[in-house]
Amino acid sequence: MYHSVSDCPEDPFNVTVSPARLDRQLAWLTGRGLRGVSMRELLAARARGEERGLVGLTFDDGYADFRTVALPVLRRWHSGATVFPVVGRLGAENDWEESGPRKRLLDADDIRHLVAEGVEIASHGLTHIDLTRAPDDVLHAEVRDSRALLARITGCEIEGFCYPYGMFDARVSAAVHSAGYRYACAIAPGPGNAGDLALPRIHIGQADTAVRLETKRRLARAWGRALETS
């Protein structure tokens, strides 16, 4: 689970990875016979029993630096990824954060460019709110309208959803299911809740050197963060 990729010294929420650090992290993956792919590719490979050696790479919020900074690094390492833009904030900034640096978000043209480059685009809702606190009408708008809008922009079926802040409950998961999504990404749903509508992920930040990455890799199954828990 990544967010922004840039040289940003102010990062109170630990959501920024420098391009140099991302480059080293992808080199680490490659050195262990692993390859980063989109969630769509990972789940399709799992359905064929061919997921070994693949790691899903996700980028939450849809920061504009994905196109300009992260994508060239990913291409250098032959890696794919899934980007979850906040579709109601396209071309704006991450104004759901009360503090911290303001960063520009992808706009519709950026998203179309990424699709042409083979990047999977999936939904992160309309406005990045905690859906567990949203009334039913707002919940369904966030889930359904974001999918429909992204489908119009991309010309593609939108298969995935990412819960803002990783927050979900049975009501939110049911809304995602009824909206037609194939999968949804959480953060740490726990073994009892993990599944294709609550896929676990591991947060990756600037501090994740090779030693930390190896530790996280070894702990993935113990933490319930490996795809097999789905």
C-alpha atoms as a PDB file:
ATOM      1  CA  MET A   1       0.000   0.000   0.000  1.00  0.00           C
ATOM      2  CA  TYR A   2       1.618   3.190  -1.295  1.00  0.00           C
ATOM      3  CA  HIS A   3       0.284   6.734  -1.546  1.00  0.00           C
ATOM      4  CA  SER A   4       2.423   9.603  -2.857  1.00  0.00           C
ATOM      5  CA  VAL A   5       5.838   9.324  -4.517  1.00  0.00           C
ATOM      6  CA  SER A   6       7.878  12.529  -4.347  1.00  0.00           C
ATOM      7  CA  ASP A   7      10.730  14.273  -2.586  1.00  0.00           C
ATOM      8  CA  CYS A   8       8.614  15.791   0.177  1.00  0.00           C
ATOM      9  CA  PRO A   9      10.404  16.554   3.471  1.00  0.00           C
ATOM     10  CA  GLU A  10       7.139  17.286   5.296  1.00  0.00           C
ATOM     11  CA  ASP A  11       5.184  14.056   5.694  1.00  0.00           C
ATOM     12  CA  PRO A  12       3.307  13.901   9.038  1.00  0.00           C
ATOM     13  CA  PHE A  13       1.030  11.067   7.882  1.00  0.00           C
ATOM     14  CA  ASN A  14       3.818   8.858   6.497  1.00  0.00           C
ATOM     15  CA  VAL A  15       2.225   8.674   3.046  1.00  0.00           C
ATOM     16  CA  THR A  16       5.187   9.771   0.919  1.00  0.00           C
ATOM     17  CA  VAL A  17       7.973   7.644  -0.522  1.00  0.00           C
ATOM     18  CA  SER A  18      10.792   9.276  -2.449  1.00  0.00           C
ATOM     19  CA  PRO A  19      11.408   8.079  -6.018  1.00  0.00           C
ATOM     20  CA  ALA A  20      14.850   6.867  -4.966  1.00  0.00           C
ATOM     21  CA  ARG A  21      13.364   4.817  -2.138  1.00  0.00           C
ATOM     22  CA  LEU A  22      10.676   3.370  -4.425  1.00  0.00           C
ATOM     23  CA  ASP A  23      13.404   2.417  -6.885  1.00  0.00           C
ATOM     24  CA  ARG A  24      15.303   0.565  -4.159  1.00  0.00           C
ATOM     25  CA  GLN A  25      12.142  -1.136  -2.902  1.00  0.00           C
ATOM     26  CA  LEU A  26      11.305  -2.427  -6.376  1.00  0.00           C
ATOM     27  CA  ALA A  27      14.899  -3.553  -6.797  1.00  0.00           C
ATOM     28  CA  TRP A  28      14.489  -5.489  -3.547  1.00  0.00           C
ATOM     29  CA  LEU A  29      11.365  -7.196  -4.902  1.00  0.00           C
ATOM     30  CA  THR A  30      13.072  -8.121  -8.151  1.00  0.00           C
ATOM     31  CA  GLY A  31      16.093  -9.460  -6.304  1.00  0.00           C
ATOM     32  CA  ARG A  32      13.843 -11.931  -4.518  1.00  0.00           C
ATOM     33  CA  GLY A  33      12.151 -13.160  -7.659  1.00  0.00           C
ATOM     34  CA  LEU A  34       9.035 -11.072  -7.043  1.00  0.00           C
ATOM     35  CA  ARG A  35       7.211  -8.741  -9.429  1.00  0.00           C
ATOM     36  CA  GLY A  36       4.770  -5.948  -8.680  1.00  0.00           C
ATOM     37  CA  VAL A  37       1.423  -6.149 -10.476  1.00  0.00           C
ATOM     38  CA  SER A  38      -2.027  -4.590 -10.331  1.00  0.00           C
ATOM     39  CA  MET A  39      -4.686  -6.096  -8.128  1.00  0.00           C
ATOM     40  CA  ARG A  40      -6.594  -7.089 -11.256  1.00  0.00           C
ATOM     41  CA  GLU A  41      -3.615  -9.062 -12.524  1.00  0.00           C
ATOM     42  CA  LEU A  42      -2.909 -10.571  -9.118  1.00  0.00           C
ATOM     43  CA  LEU A  43      -6.471 -11.820  -8.644  1.00  0.00           C
ATOM     44  CA  ALA A  44      -6.632 -13.182 -12.197  1.00  0.00           C
ATOM     45  CA  ALA A  45      -3.385 -15.058 -11.569  1.00  0.00           C
ATOM     46  CA  ARG A  46      -4.737 -16.409  -8.292  1.00  0.00           C
ATOM     47  CA  ALA A  47      -7.805 -17.728 -10.105  1.00  0.00           C
ATOM     48  CA  ARG A  48      -5.455 -19.704 -12.367  1.00  0.00           C
ATOM     49  CA  GLY A  49      -3.314 -20.848  -9.433  1.00  0.00           C
ATOM     50  CA  GLU A  50      -0.403 -18.782 -10.776  1.00  0.00           C
ATOM     51  CA  GLU A  51      -0.036 -16.029  -8.158  1.00  0.00           C
ATOM     52  CA  ARG A  52       3.326 -17.247  -6.836  1.00  0.00           C
ATOM     53  CA  GLY A  53       5.966 -14.554  -7.173  1.00  0.00           C
ATOM     54  CA  LEU A  54       3.480 -11.718  -7.688  1.00  0.00           C
ATOM     55  CA  VAL A  55       2.910  -8.790  -5.334  1.00  0.00           C
ATOM     56  CA  GLY A  56      -0.022  -6.406  -5.689  1.00  0.00           C
ATOM     57  CA  LEU A  57       1.071  -2.749  -5.677  1.00  0.00           C
ATOM     58  CA  THR A  58      -1.594  -0.190  -4.808  1.00  0.00           C
ATOM     59  CA  PHE A  59      -1.430   3.606  -4.719  1.00  0.00           C
ATOM     60  CA  ASP A  60      -4.199   5.250  -2.703  1.00  0.00           C
ATOM     61  CA  ASP A  61      -5.739   8.698  -3.265  1.00  0.00           C
ATOM     62  CA  GLY A  62      -4.547   9.243  -6.828  1.00  0.00           C
ATOM     63  CA  TYR A  63      -1.771  11.780  -6.347  1.00  0.00           C
ATOM     64  CA  ALA A  64      -0.622  13.473  -9.547  1.00  0.00           C
ATOM     65  CA  ASP A  65       2.944  12.425  -8.822  1.00  0.00           C
ATOM     66  CA  PHE A  66       1.984   8.856  -9.698  1.00  0.00           C
ATOM     67  CA  ARG A  67       1.967   9.772 -13.394  1.00  0.00           C
ATOM     68  CA  THR A  68       5.049  11.982 -13.365  1.00  0.00           C
ATOM     69  CA  VAL A  69       7.239  10.259 -10.778  1.00  0.00           C
ATOM     70  CA  ALA A  70       6.059   6.784  -9.766  1.00  0.00           C
ATOM     71  CA  LEU A  71       5.115   5.419 -13.184  1.00  0.00           C
ATOM     72  CA  PRO A  72       8.576   5.839 -14.734  1.00  0.00           C
ATOM     73  CA  VAL A  73      10.095   3.984 -11.769  1.00  0.00           C
ATOM     74  CA  LEU A  74       7.537   1.208 -12.051  1.00  0.00           C
ATOM     75  CA  ARG A  75       8.200   0.889 -15.783  1.00  0.00           C
ATOM     76  CA  ARG A  76      11.940   0.600 -15.130  1.00  0.00           C
ATOM     77  CA  TRP A  77      11.249  -2.481 -13.025  1.00  0.00           C
ATOM     78  CA  HIS A  78       8.524  -3.897 -15.306  1.00  0.00           C
ATOM     79  CA  SER A  79       5.962  -3.505 -12.526  1.00  0.00           C
ATOM     80  CA  GLY A  80       2.250  -2.893 -12.732  1.00  0.00           C
ATOM     81  CA  ALA A  81       0.014  -1.189 -10.185  1.00  0.00           C
ATOM     82  CA  THR A  82      -3.516  -0.209  -9.230  1.00  0.00           C
ATOM     83  CA  VAL A  83      -4.304   3.441  -8.560  1.00  0.00           C
ATOM     84  CA  PHE A  84      -7.289   4.378  -6.393  1.00  0.00           C
ATOM     85  CA  PRO A  85      -8.198   8.020  -7.153  1.00  0.00           C
ATOM     86  CA  VAL A  86     -10.688  10.032  -5.111  1.00  0.00           C
ATOM     87  CA  VAL A  87     -12.876  10.683  -8.113  1.00  0.00           C
ATOM     88  CA  GLY A  88     -14.838  13.577  -6.633  1.00  0.00           C
ATOM     89  CA  ARG A  89     -11.569  15.501  -6.168  1.00  0.00           C
ATOM     90  CA  LEU A  90      -9.962  15.017  -9.589  1.00  0.00           C
ATOM     91  CA  GLY A  91      -7.508  17.790 -10.391  1.00  0.00           C
ATOM     92  CA  ALA A  92      -7.877  19.241  -6.890  1.00  0.00           C
ATOM     93  CA  GLU A  93      -5.834  18.618  -3.739  1.00  0.00           C
ATOM     94  CA  ASN A  94      -5.934  16.244  -0.760  1.00  0.00           C
ATOM     95  CA  ASP A  95      -8.230  18.561   1.182  1.00  0.00           C
ATOM     96  CA  TRP A  96      -9.560  15.748   3.385  1.00  0.00           C
ATOM     97  CA  GLU A  97      -6.342  16.109   5.401  1.00  0.00           C
ATOM     98  CA  GLU A  98      -6.671  18.794   8.074  1.00  0.00           C
ATOM     99  CA  SER A  99      -2.941  19.388   8.147  1.00  0.00           C
ATOM    100  CA  GLY A 100       0.166  18.414   6.269  1.00  0.00           C
ATOM    101  CA  PRO A 101       1.308  19.340   2.762  1.00  0.00           C
ATOM    102  CA  ARG A 102      -1.220  19.898   0.008  1.00  0.00           C
ATOM    103  CA  LYS A 103      -0.595  17.709  -3.027  1.00  0.00           C
ATOM    104  CA  ARG A 104      -2.230  17.849  -6.434  1.00  0.00           C
ATOM    105  CA  LEU A 105      -4.406  14.939  -7.466  1.00  0.00           C
ATOM    106  CA  LEU A 106      -4.740  13.276 -10.851  1.00  0.00           C
ATOM    107  CA  ASP A 107      -7.260  14.804 -13.239  1.00  0.00           C
ATOM    108  CA  ALA A 108      -9.380  13.018 -15.846  1.00  0.00           C
ATOM    109  CA  ASP A 109      -6.760  13.375 -18.585  1.00  0.00           C
ATOM    110  CA  ASP A 110      -4.108  11.931 -16.266  1.00  0.00           C
ATOM    111  CA  ILE A 111      -6.341   8.943 -15.587  1.00  0.00           C
ATOM    112  CA  ARG A 112      -6.952   8.331 -19.275  1.00  0.00           C
ATOM    113  CA  HIS A 113      -3.203   8.461 -19.849  1.00  0.00           C
ATOM    114  CA  LEU A 114      -2.609   5.899 -17.112  1.00  0.00           C
ATOM    115  CA  VAL A 115      -5.219   3.563 -18.574  1.00  0.00           C
ATOM    116  CA  ALA A 116      -3.480   3.814 -21.952  1.00  0.00           C
ATOM    117  CA  GLU A 117      -0.252   2.857 -20.148  1.00  0.00           C
ATOM    118  CA  GLY A 118      -1.890  -0.281 -18.752  1.00  0.00           C
ATOM    119  CA  VAL A 119      -2.375   0.947 -15.173  1.00  0.00           C
ATOM    120  CA  GLU A 120      -5.498  -0.344 -13.422  1.00  0.00           C
ATOM    121  CA  ILE A 121      -7.785   2.401 -12.148  1.00  0.00           C
ATOM    122  CA  ALA A 122     -10.178   1.565  -9.315  1.00  0.00           C
ATOM    123  CA  SER A 123     -12.312   3.599  -6.927  1.00  0.00           C
ATOM    124  CA  HIS A 124     -11.488   5.261  -3.617  1.00  0.00           C
ATOM    125  CA  GLY A 125     -14.921   6.866  -3.348  1.00  0.00           C
ATOM    126  CA  LEU A 126     -15.954  10.421  -4.168  1.00  0.00           C
ATOM    127  CA  THR A 127     -14.661  12.494  -1.261  1.00  0.00           C
ATOM    128  CA  HIS A 128     -12.464  10.299   0.989  1.00  0.00           C
ATOM    129  CA  ILE A 129     -14.797  10.076   3.982  1.00  0.00           C
ATOM    130  CA  ASP A 130     -15.087   7.356   6.614  1.00  0.00           C
ATOM    131  CA  LEU A 131     -17.869   5.312   5.058  1.00  0.00           C
ATOM    132  CA  THR A 132     -18.742   3.593   8.330  1.00  0.00           C
ATOM    133  CA  ARG A 133     -20.040   6.975   9.573  1.00  0.00           C
ATOM    134  CA  ALA A 134     -21.910   7.890   6.392  1.00  0.00           C
ATOM    135  CA  PRO A 135     -25.731   7.687   6.152  1.00  0.00           C
ATOM    136  CA  ASP A 136     -27.030   5.166   3.638  1.00  0.00           C
ATOM    137  CA  ASP A 137     -27.666   7.643   0.818  1.00  0.00           C
ATOM    138  CA  VAL A 138     -24.165   9.111   1.095  1.00  0.00           C
ATOM    139  CA  LEU A 139     -22.608   5.654   1.345  1.00  0.00           C
ATOM    140  CA  HIS A 140     -24.295   4.459  -1.827  1.00  0.00           C
ATOM    141  CA  ALA A 141     -23.404   7.650  -3.695  1.00  0.00           C
ATOM    142  CA  GLU A 142     -19.753   7.316  -2.667  1.00  0.00           C
ATOM    143  CA  VAL A 143     -19.628   3.698  -3.794  1.00  0.00           C
ATOM    144  CA  ARG A 144     -21.873   3.614  -6.865  1.00  0.00           C
ATOM    145  CA  ASP A 145     -21.398   7.084  -8.305  1.00  0.00           C
ATOM    146  CA  SER A 146     -17.625   6.888  -8.058  1.00  0.00           C
ATOM    147  CA  ARG A 147     -17.633   3.629 -10.006  1.00  0.00           C
ATOM    148  CA  ALA A 148     -19.916   5.022 -12.700  1.00  0.00           C
ATOM    149  CA  LEU A 149     -17.871   8.208 -13.061  1.00  0.00           C
ATOM    150  CA  LEU A 150     -14.588   6.338 -13.359  1.00  0.00           C
ATOM    151  CA  ALA A 151     -16.128   3.995 -15.928  1.00  0.00           C
ATOM    152  CA  ARG A 152     -17.130   7.006 -18.047  1.00  0.00           C
ATOM    153  CA  ILE A 153     -13.654   8.535 -17.784  1.00  0.00           C
ATOM    154  CA  THR A 154     -11.729   5.355 -18.502  1.00  0.00           C
ATOM    155  CA  GLY A 155     -14.099   3.503 -20.800  1.00  0.00           C
ATOM    156  CA  CYS A 156     -13.367   0.426 -18.675  1.00  0.00           C
ATOM    157  CA  GLU A 157     -15.235  -1.654 -16.152  1.00  0.00           C
ATOM    158  CA  ILE A 158     -14.121  -0.634 -12.665  1.00  0.00           C
ATOM    159  CA  GLU A 159     -13.470  -3.817 -10.724  1.00  0.00           C
ATOM    160  CA  GLY A 160     -11.981  -2.608  -7.457  1.00  0.00           C
ATOM    161  CA  PHE A 161     -12.722  -0.359  -4.502  1.00  0.00           C
ATOM    162  CA  CYS A 162     -10.490   0.876  -1.697  1.00  0.00           C
ATOM    163  CA  TYR A 163     -12.014   1.809   1.659  1.00  0.00           C
ATOM    164  CA  PRO A 164     -10.959   5.336   2.709  1.00  0.00           C
ATOM    165  CA  TYR A 165      -8.772   5.117   5.833  1.00  0.00           C
ATOM    166  CA  GLY A 166      -9.181   1.336   5.544  1.00  0.00           C
ATOM    167  CA  MET A 167     -12.466   1.657   7.449  1.00  0.00           C
ATOM    168  CA  PHE A 168     -15.354  -0.687   6.684  1.00  0.00           C
ATOM    169  CA  ASP A 169     -18.047  -2.751   8.373  1.00  0.00           C
ATOM    170  CA  ALA A 170     -20.711  -5.201   7.215  1.00  0.00           C
ATOM    171  CA  ARG A 171     -22.959  -2.415   5.895  1.00  0.00           C
ATOM    172  CA  VAL A 172     -20.168  -0.790   3.892  1.00  0.00           C
ATOM    173  CA  SER A 173     -18.954  -4.113   2.525  1.00  0.00           C
ATOM    174  CA  ALA A 174     -22.513  -4.983   1.462  1.00  0.00           C
ATOM    175  CA  ALA A 175     -22.814  -1.653  -0.370  1.00  0.00           C
ATOM    176  CA  VAL A 176     -19.567  -2.328  -2.217  1.00  0.00           C
ATOM    177  CA  HIS A 177     -20.776  -5.783  -3.174  1.00  0.00           C
ATOM    178  CA  SER A 178     -24.147  -4.536  -4.384  1.00  0.00           C
ATOM    179  CA  ALA A 179     -22.464  -1.845  -6.494  1.00  0.00           C
ATOM    180  CA  GLY A 180     -20.830  -4.597  -8.546  1.00  0.00           C
ATOM    181  CA  TYR A 181     -17.212  -4.430  -7.465  1.00  0.00           C
ATOM    182  CA  ARG A 182     -15.190  -7.609  -7.790  1.00  0.00           C
ATOM    183  CA  TYR A 183     -12.822  -6.809  -4.916  1.00  0.00           C
ATOM    184  CA  ALA A 184     -12.106  -4.206  -2.254  1.00  0.00           C
ATOM    185  CA  CYS A 185      -8.872  -3.315  -0.487  1.00  0.00           C
ATOM    186  CA  ALA A 186      -8.686  -2.717   3.249  1.00  0.00           C
ATOM    187  CA  ILE A 187      -5.586  -2.489   5.437  1.00  0.00           C
ATOM    188  CA  ALA A 188      -5.734  -4.937   8.334  1.00  0.00           C
ATOM    189  CA  PRO A 189      -9.193  -6.544   8.385  1.00  0.00           C
ATOM    190  CA  GLY A 190      -8.098  -9.488  10.522  1.00  0.00           C
ATOM    191  CA  PRO A 191      -8.376 -13.169   9.554  1.00  0.00           C
ATOM    192  CA  GLY A 192     -12.071 -13.300  10.438  1.00  0.00           C
ATOM    193  CA  ASN A 193     -12.987 -10.454   8.088  1.00  0.00           C
ATOM    194  CA  ALA A 194     -10.481 -10.867   5.263  1.00  0.00           C
ATOM    195  CA  GLY A 195     -11.800 -11.833   1.854  1.00  0.00           C
ATOM    196  CA  ASP A 196     -12.070 -10.491  -1.659  1.00  0.00           C
ATOM    197  CA  LEU A 197     -14.138  -7.571  -0.332  1.00  0.00           C
ATOM    198  CA  ALA A 198     -11.586  -6.902   2.409  1.00  0.00           C
ATOM    199  CA  LEU A 199      -8.166  -7.656   0.979  1.00  0.00           C
ATOM    200  CA  PRO A 200      -5.370  -7.029   3.495  1.00  0.00           C
ATOM    201  CA  ARG A 201      -2.394  -4.852   2.597  1.00  0.00           C
ATOM    202  CA  ILE A 202       0.949  -3.825   4.072  1.00  0.00           C
ATOM    203  CA  HIS A 203       1.724  -0.117   4.366  1.00  0.00           C
ATOM    204  CA  ILE A 204       4.994   0.847   2.711  1.00  0.00           C
ATOM    205  CA  GLY A 205       6.707   4.089   3.671  1.00  0.00           C
ATOM    206  CA  GLN A 206       9.961   5.994   3.334  1.00  0.00           C
ATOM    207  CA  ALA A 207      11.494   4.145   6.286  1.00  0.00           C
ATOM    208  CA  ASP A 208      11.073   0.727   4.677  1.00  0.00           C
ATOM    209  CA  THR A 209      14.595  -0.328   3.839  1.00  0.00           C
ATOM    210  CA  ALA A 210      15.542  -3.826   2.729  1.00  0.00           C
ATOM    211  CA  VAL A 211      15.697  -5.090   6.326  1.00  0.00           C
ATOM    212  CA  ARG A 212      12.235  -3.734   7.149  1.00  0.00           C
ATOM    213  CA  LEU A 213      10.790  -5.070   3.894  1.00  0.00           C
ATOM    214  CA  GLU A 214      12.128  -8.537   4.616  1.00  0.00           C
ATOM    215  CA  THR A 215      10.640  -8.424   8.107  1.00  0.00           C
ATOM    216  CA  LYS A 216       7.262  -7.340   6.761  1.00  0.00           C
ATOM    217  CA  ARG A 217       7.386 -10.051   4.122  1.00  0.00           C
ATOM    218  CA  ARG A 218       8.044 -12.761   6.702  1.00  0.00           C
ATOM    219  CA  LEU A 219       5.322 -11.456   8.993  1.00  0.00           C
ATOM    220  CA  ALA A 220       2.720 -11.097   6.228  1.00  0.00           C
ATOM    221  CA  ARG A 221       0.987 -14.418   6.867  1.00  0.00           C
ATOM    222  CA  ALA A 222       1.193 -14.052  10.632  1.00  0.00           C
ATOM    223  CA  TRP A 223      -0.416 -10.620  10.306  1.00  0.00           C
ATOM    224  CA  GLY A 224      -3.068 -11.972   7.941  1.00  0.00           C
ATOM    225  CA  ARG A 225      -1.748  -9.765   5.132  1.00  0.00           C
ATOM    226  CA  ALA A 226      -1.050 -12.458   2.516  1.00  0.00           C
ATOM    227  CA  LEU A 227      -3.493 -13.018  -0.333  1.00  0.00           C
ATOM    228  CA  GLU A 228      -3.970 -16.621   0.700  1.00  0.00           C
ATOM    229  CA  THR A 229      -6.034 -15.396   3.671  1.00  0.00           C
ATOM    230  CA  SER A 230      -8.703 -14.302   1.202  1.00  0.00           C
END
